[in-house]
Amino acid sequence: MIDFASVLTSSGGKAYKVKVTLPENSDVKFKLGMSGDARFVTNQKDDVLLASQGAVIEENGKSYVWIVTNGQATQKEVVTGGSSIDDIEITSGLSGGEVIIVNPPTKVKEGSKVK
């Protein structure tokens, strides 16, 4: 169970109270005071094209990435799907194998030379 509302942590961040059911603790693997991190998988797909979140730029309701073609920057429009903290699914616009620029500088332009 995940609480609907967030709580403020001591460091000023947001957190959600979560209750999980663990298996029988007959071999005493779980001890009082233990804590940890959990990942909640809300959707899972196989054979998808992923890009770093920092590579996708959103402008005017559209998504773009900068790719490197023959040493030059080229902007390509993409359609995105599901995402995680680190990655975002590219459902169309790229075919895979392209070299993309992650966190492109704001002054990058079509045809800019890329090392």
N, C-alpha and C. Protein backbone atom coordinates (compact mmCIF):
# COMPACT_ATOMS: atom_id res chain seq x y z
N MET A 1 0.84 -1.16 0.00
CA MET A 1 0.00 0.00 0.00
C MET A 1 0.90 1.23 0.00
N ILE A 2 0.58 2.19 -0.84
CA ILE A 2 1.30 3.46 -0.89
C ILE A 2 0.32 4.55 -0.53
N ASP A 3 0.67 5.37 0.48
CA ASP A 3 -0.20 6.47 0.87
C ASP A 3 -0.46 7.40 -0.30
N PHE A 4 -1.63 7.99 -0.32
CA PHE A 4 -2.01 8.91 -1.39
C PHE A 4 -1.25 10.23 -1.29
N ALA A 5 -1.06 10.72 -0.07
CA ALA A 5 -0.41 12.02 0.14
C ALA A 5 1.04 11.83 0.56
N SER A 6 1.88 12.75 0.14
CA SER A 6 3.29 12.71 0.53
C SER A 6 3.49 13.34 1.90
N VAL A 7 4.62 13.03 2.50
CA VAL A 7 5.03 13.66 3.76
C VAL A 7 6.35 14.37 3.52
N LEU A 8 6.63 15.38 4.32
CA LEU A 8 7.87 16.13 4.21
C LEU A 8 8.94 15.44 5.06
N THR A 9 10.09 15.14 4.44
CA THR A 9 11.17 14.49 5.18
C THR A 9 11.96 15.51 5.97
N SER A 10 12.83 15.05 6.86
CA SER A 10 13.64 15.95 7.68
C SER A 10 14.60 16.79 6.84
N SER A 11 14.94 16.32 5.64
CA SER A 11 15.83 17.08 4.77
C SER A 11 15.07 17.97 3.80
N GLY A 12 13.74 18.01 3.91
CA GLY A 12 12.94 18.89 3.07
C GLY A 12 12.42 18.24 1.80
N GLY A 13 12.66 16.95 1.62
CA GLY A 13 12.17 16.25 0.44
C GLY A 13 10.78 15.69 0.65
N LYS A 14 10.22 15.12 -0.39
CA LYS A 14 8.93 14.47 -0.30
C LYS A 14 9.12 12.96 -0.23
N ALA A 15 8.29 12.31 0.53
CA ALA A 15 8.32 10.86 0.63
C ALA A 15 6.88 10.36 0.77
N TYR A 16 6.68 9.11 0.44
CA TYR A 16 5.38 8.48 0.58
C TYR A 16 5.52 7.30 1.53
N LYS A 17 4.63 7.19 2.48
CA LYS A 17 4.63 6.04 3.37
C LYS A 17 4.15 4.83 2.59
N VAL A 18 4.89 3.73 2.76
CA VAL A 18 4.60 2.50 2.03
C VAL A 18 4.52 1.35 3.01
N LYS A 19 3.54 0.47 2.81
CA LYS A 19 3.44 -0.75 3.60
C LYS A 19 3.54 -1.92 2.65
N VAL A 20 4.42 -2.86 2.97
CA VAL A 20 4.58 -4.05 2.13
C VAL A 20 4.44 -5.29 3.01
N THR A 21 4.08 -6.38 2.38
CA THR A 21 3.98 -7.66 3.08
C THR A 21 5.23 -8.46 2.74
N LEU A 22 5.95 -8.88 3.75
CA LEU A 22 7.16 -9.67 3.56
C LEU A 22 6.86 -11.14 3.85
N PRO A 23 7.69 -12.03 3.32
CA PRO A 23 7.47 -13.45 3.59
C PRO A 23 7.75 -13.78 5.06
N GLU A 24 7.34 -14.96 5.47
CA GLU A 24 7.60 -15.46 6.83
C GLU A 24 9.07 -15.23 7.18
N ASN A 25 9.34 -14.79 8.39
CA ASN A 25 10.70 -14.47 8.82
C ASN A 25 11.29 -15.57 9.70
N SER A 26 11.05 -16.83 9.34
CA SER A 26 11.47 -17.95 10.18
C SER A 26 12.99 -18.05 10.29
N ASP A 27 13.75 -17.62 9.28
CA ASP A 27 15.21 -17.69 9.37
C ASP A 27 15.82 -16.36 9.80
N VAL A 28 15.00 -15.45 10.31
CA VAL A 28 15.39 -14.17 10.91
C VAL A 28 16.28 -13.34 9.96
N LYS A 29 15.90 -13.25 8.71
CA LYS A 29 16.60 -12.38 7.76
C LYS A 29 16.25 -10.92 8.00
N PHE A 30 15.02 -10.66 8.45
CA PHE A 30 14.57 -9.30 8.70
C PHE A 30 14.70 -8.99 10.18
N LYS A 31 15.30 -7.86 10.49
CA LYS A 31 15.55 -7.49 11.89
C LYS A 31 14.97 -6.10 12.16
N LEU A 32 14.65 -5.83 13.42
CA LEU A 32 14.13 -4.52 13.82
C LEU A 32 15.12 -3.43 13.43
N GLY A 33 14.61 -2.34 12.91
CA GLY A 33 15.45 -1.20 12.56
C GLY A 33 16.04 -1.25 11.17
N MET A 34 15.82 -2.35 10.44
CA MET A 34 16.35 -2.43 9.07
C MET A 34 15.58 -1.46 8.19
N SER A 35 16.28 -0.93 7.21
CA SER A 35 15.63 -0.08 6.21
C SER A 35 16.23 -0.42 4.86
N GLY A 36 15.65 0.12 3.83
CA GLY A 36 16.16 -0.17 2.50
C GLY A 36 15.44 0.63 1.45
N ASP A 37 15.82 0.41 0.22
CA ASP A 37 15.19 1.06 -0.92
C ASP A 37 14.38 0.03 -1.68
N ALA A 38 13.35 0.50 -2.34
CA ALA A 38 12.50 -0.39 -3.13
C ALA A 38 12.25 0.25 -4.48
N ARG A 39 12.02 -0.57 -5.47
CA ARG A 39 11.66 -0.09 -6.80
C ARG A 39 10.29 -0.66 -7.11
N PHE A 40 9.37 0.20 -7.53
CA PHE A 40 8.04 -0.23 -7.88
C PHE A 40 7.93 -0.25 -9.40
N VAL A 41 7.69 -1.40 -9.94
CA VAL A 41 7.56 -1.56 -11.38
C VAL A 41 6.08 -1.42 -11.71
N THR A 42 5.74 -0.35 -12.43
CA THR A 42 4.33 -0.12 -12.78
C THR A 42 4.01 -0.60 -14.19
N ASN A 43 5.06 -0.80 -14.99
CA ASN A 43 4.88 -1.25 -16.36
C ASN A 43 6.19 -1.86 -16.82
N GLN A 44 6.12 -2.88 -17.62
CA GLN A 44 7.34 -3.51 -18.11
C GLN A 44 7.17 -3.87 -19.58
N LYS A 45 8.19 -3.52 -20.38
CA LYS A 45 8.17 -3.82 -21.81
C LYS A 45 9.52 -4.41 -22.18
N ASP A 46 9.51 -5.24 -23.21
CA ASP A 46 10.75 -5.81 -23.73
C ASP A 46 11.09 -5.16 -25.06
N ASP A 47 12.37 -5.16 -25.40
CA ASP A 47 12.86 -4.69 -26.69
C ASP A 47 12.39 -3.28 -27.02
N VAL A 48 12.66 -2.34 -26.12
CA VAL A 48 12.31 -0.94 -26.36
C VAL A 48 13.58 -0.12 -26.56
N LEU A 49 13.44 1.00 -27.22
CA LEU A 49 14.54 1.92 -27.44
C LEU A 49 14.50 2.96 -26.33
N LEU A 50 15.59 3.08 -25.58
CA LEU A 50 15.66 4.02 -24.47
C LEU A 50 16.70 5.08 -24.73
N ALA A 51 16.42 6.27 -24.24
CA ALA A 51 17.38 7.36 -24.27
C ALA A 51 17.47 7.93 -22.86
N SER A 52 18.57 8.55 -22.56
CA SER A 52 18.72 9.22 -21.27
C SER A 52 17.72 10.37 -21.19
N GLN A 53 17.14 10.58 -20.02
CA GLN A 53 16.20 11.69 -19.82
C GLN A 53 16.84 13.01 -20.26
N GLY A 54 18.14 13.16 -20.02
CA GLY A 54 18.84 14.40 -20.35
C GLY A 54 19.00 14.63 -21.84
N ALA A 55 18.71 13.64 -22.66
CA ALA A 55 18.86 13.79 -24.11
C ALA A 55 17.60 14.35 -24.76
N VAL A 56 16.46 14.21 -24.10
CA VAL A 56 15.19 14.60 -24.70
C VAL A 56 14.84 16.03 -24.29
N ILE A 57 14.58 16.85 -25.31
CA ILE A 57 14.22 18.25 -25.10
C ILE A 57 12.77 18.42 -25.51
N GLU A 58 11.99 19.09 -24.67
CA GLU A 58 10.59 19.33 -24.99
C GLU A 58 10.38 20.81 -25.28
N GLU A 59 9.80 21.09 -26.45
CA GLU A 59 9.50 22.46 -26.86
C GLU A 59 8.17 22.48 -27.58
N ASN A 60 7.31 23.40 -27.20
CA ASN A 60 6.03 23.60 -27.90
C ASN A 60 5.24 22.30 -28.06
N GLY A 61 5.24 21.48 -27.03
CA GLY A 61 4.46 20.24 -27.05
C GLY A 61 5.07 19.11 -27.86
N LYS A 62 6.31 19.29 -28.34
CA LYS A 62 6.99 18.24 -29.10
C LYS A 62 8.29 17.86 -28.39
N SER A 63 8.77 16.65 -28.68
CA SER A 63 10.01 16.17 -28.09
C SER A 63 11.07 16.01 -29.17
N TYR A 64 12.31 16.36 -28.83
CA TYR A 64 13.41 16.30 -29.77
C TYR A 64 14.64 15.70 -29.10
N VAL A 65 15.52 15.14 -29.91
CA VAL A 65 16.87 14.77 -29.47
C VAL A 65 17.85 15.32 -30.51
N TRP A 66 19.07 15.54 -30.08
CA TRP A 66 20.14 15.90 -31.00
C TRP A 66 20.95 14.65 -31.25
N ILE A 67 21.15 14.32 -32.53
CA ILE A 67 21.98 13.18 -32.88
C ILE A 67 23.22 13.67 -33.61
N VAL A 68 24.24 12.83 -33.65
CA VAL A 68 25.48 13.17 -34.34
C VAL A 68 25.50 12.39 -35.66
N THR A 69 25.55 13.14 -36.77
CA THR A 69 25.61 12.54 -38.10
C THR A 69 26.81 13.14 -38.82
N ASN A 70 27.77 12.30 -39.17
CA ASN A 70 28.98 12.77 -39.86
C ASN A 70 29.65 13.93 -39.12
N GLY A 71 29.71 13.83 -37.80
CA GLY A 71 30.39 14.84 -36.98
C GLY A 71 29.62 16.12 -36.78
N GLN A 72 28.34 16.14 -37.17
CA GLN A 72 27.53 17.34 -37.02
C GLN A 72 26.25 17.03 -36.25
N ALA A 73 25.76 18.04 -35.52
CA ALA A 73 24.53 17.90 -34.75
C ALA A 73 23.32 18.03 -35.66
N THR A 74 22.37 17.12 -35.49
CA THR A 74 21.12 17.15 -36.23
C THR A 74 19.99 16.95 -35.24
N GLN A 75 19.00 17.82 -35.28
CA GLN A 75 17.86 17.69 -34.37
C GLN A 75 16.81 16.80 -35.02
N LYS A 76 16.31 15.82 -34.23
CA LYS A 76 15.27 14.91 -34.73
C LYS A 76 14.10 14.94 -33.77
N GLU A 77 12.90 15.03 -34.33
CA GLU A 77 11.70 14.94 -33.51
C GLU A 77 11.46 13.47 -33.16
N VAL A 78 11.10 13.22 -31.92
CA VAL A 78 10.82 11.86 -31.46
C VAL A 78 9.48 11.84 -30.73
N VAL A 79 8.93 10.66 -30.64
CA VAL A 79 7.74 10.43 -29.82
C VAL A 79 8.17 9.58 -28.65
N THR A 80 7.81 9.98 -27.45
CA THR A 80 8.25 9.28 -26.26
C THR A 80 7.12 8.46 -25.65
N GLY A 81 7.53 7.47 -24.86
CA GLY A 81 6.56 6.61 -24.17
C GLY A 81 6.82 6.67 -22.67
N GLY A 82 6.90 5.50 -22.06
CA GLY A 82 7.13 5.40 -20.63
C GLY A 82 8.50 5.91 -20.24
N SER A 83 8.65 6.18 -18.94
CA SER A 83 9.94 6.70 -18.48
C SER A 83 10.22 6.26 -17.05
N SER A 84 11.48 6.38 -16.70
CA SER A 84 11.93 6.15 -15.33
C SER A 84 12.69 7.41 -14.91
N ILE A 85 13.32 7.38 -13.78
CA ILE A 85 14.09 8.53 -13.33
C ILE A 85 15.22 8.82 -14.31
N ASP A 86 15.84 7.79 -14.86
CA ASP A 86 17.01 7.95 -15.71
C ASP A 86 16.74 7.93 -17.20
N ASP A 87 15.79 7.12 -17.65
CA ASP A 87 15.60 6.86 -19.07
C ASP A 87 14.18 7.15 -19.52
N ILE A 88 14.03 7.35 -20.84
CA ILE A 88 12.73 7.56 -21.43
C ILE A 88 12.64 6.72 -22.71
N GLU A 89 11.49 6.12 -22.93
CA GLU A 89 11.27 5.28 -24.11
C GLU A 89 11.07 6.16 -25.34
N ILE A 90 11.71 5.80 -26.43
CA ILE A 90 11.51 6.46 -27.72
C ILE A 90 10.68 5.52 -28.58
N THR A 91 9.43 5.89 -28.85
CA THR A 91 8.55 5.00 -29.61
C THR A 91 8.64 5.24 -31.11
N SER A 92 9.06 6.42 -31.53
CA SER A 92 9.30 6.66 -32.96
C SER A 92 10.22 7.87 -33.13
N GLY A 93 10.86 7.92 -34.28
CA GLY A 93 11.76 9.02 -34.59
C GLY A 93 13.21 8.59 -34.65
N LEU A 94 13.56 7.51 -33.96
CA LEU A 94 14.91 6.94 -33.99
C LEU A 94 14.77 5.45 -34.32
N SER A 95 15.82 4.90 -34.90
CA SER A 95 15.76 3.47 -35.23
C SER A 95 16.68 2.64 -34.35
N GLY A 96 17.52 3.28 -33.57
CA GLY A 96 18.47 2.57 -32.73
C GLY A 96 19.84 2.62 -33.37
N GLY A 97 20.86 2.75 -32.56
CA GLY A 97 22.22 2.82 -33.07
C GLY A 97 22.70 4.24 -33.32
N GLU A 98 21.80 5.23 -33.31
CA GLU A 98 22.22 6.61 -33.47
C GLU A 98 23.01 7.05 -32.24
N VAL A 99 23.91 8.00 -32.47
CA VAL A 99 24.64 8.61 -31.36
C VAL A 99 23.87 9.87 -30.98
N ILE A 100 23.40 9.92 -29.74
CA ILE A 100 22.64 11.09 -29.30
C ILE A 100 23.46 11.92 -28.33
N ILE A 101 23.16 13.20 -28.28
CA ILE A 101 23.85 14.12 -27.39
C ILE A 101 23.03 14.22 -26.11
N VAL A 102 23.64 13.86 -24.98
CA VAL A 102 22.98 13.95 -23.68
C VAL A 102 23.31 15.30 -23.08
N ASN A 103 22.31 15.98 -22.55
CA ASN A 103 22.44 17.32 -21.99
C ASN A 103 23.11 18.27 -22.99
N PRO A 104 22.51 18.44 -24.16
CA PRO A 104 23.12 19.28 -25.19
C PRO A 104 23.23 20.73 -24.73
N PRO A 105 24.30 21.41 -25.12
CA PRO A 105 24.42 22.82 -24.75
C PRO A 105 23.28 23.62 -25.40
N THR A 106 22.86 24.69 -24.76
CA THR A 106 21.76 25.49 -25.28
C THR A 106 22.12 26.16 -26.60
N LYS A 107 23.40 26.34 -26.87
CA LYS A 107 23.80 27.02 -28.10
C LYS A 107 24.02 26.05 -29.26
N VAL A 108 23.74 24.75 -29.09
CA VAL A 108 23.91 23.81 -30.20
C VAL A 108 22.88 24.16 -31.29
N LYS A 109 23.32 24.11 -32.54
CA LYS A 109 22.46 24.42 -33.67
C LYS A 109 22.60 23.33 -34.72
N GLU A 110 21.64 23.28 -35.61
CA GLU A 110 21.69 22.34 -36.73
C GLU A 110 23.00 22.53 -37.47
N GLY A 111 23.77 21.45 -37.63
CA GLY A 111 25.05 21.50 -38.34
C GLY A 111 26.24 21.83 -37.47
N SER A 112 26.03 22.10 -36.16
CA SER A 112 27.17 22.36 -35.28
C SER A 112 28.11 21.18 -35.30
N LYS A 113 29.42 21.45 -35.30
CA LYS A 113 30.40 20.37 -35.28
C LYS A 113 30.44 19.74 -33.90
N VAL A 114 30.51 18.41 -33.87
CA VAL A 114 30.52 17.68 -32.62
C VAL A 114 31.76 16.79 -32.61
N LYS A 115 32.52 16.85 -31.51
CA LYS A 115 33.71 16.00 -31.39
C LYS A 115 33.34 14.70 -30.73
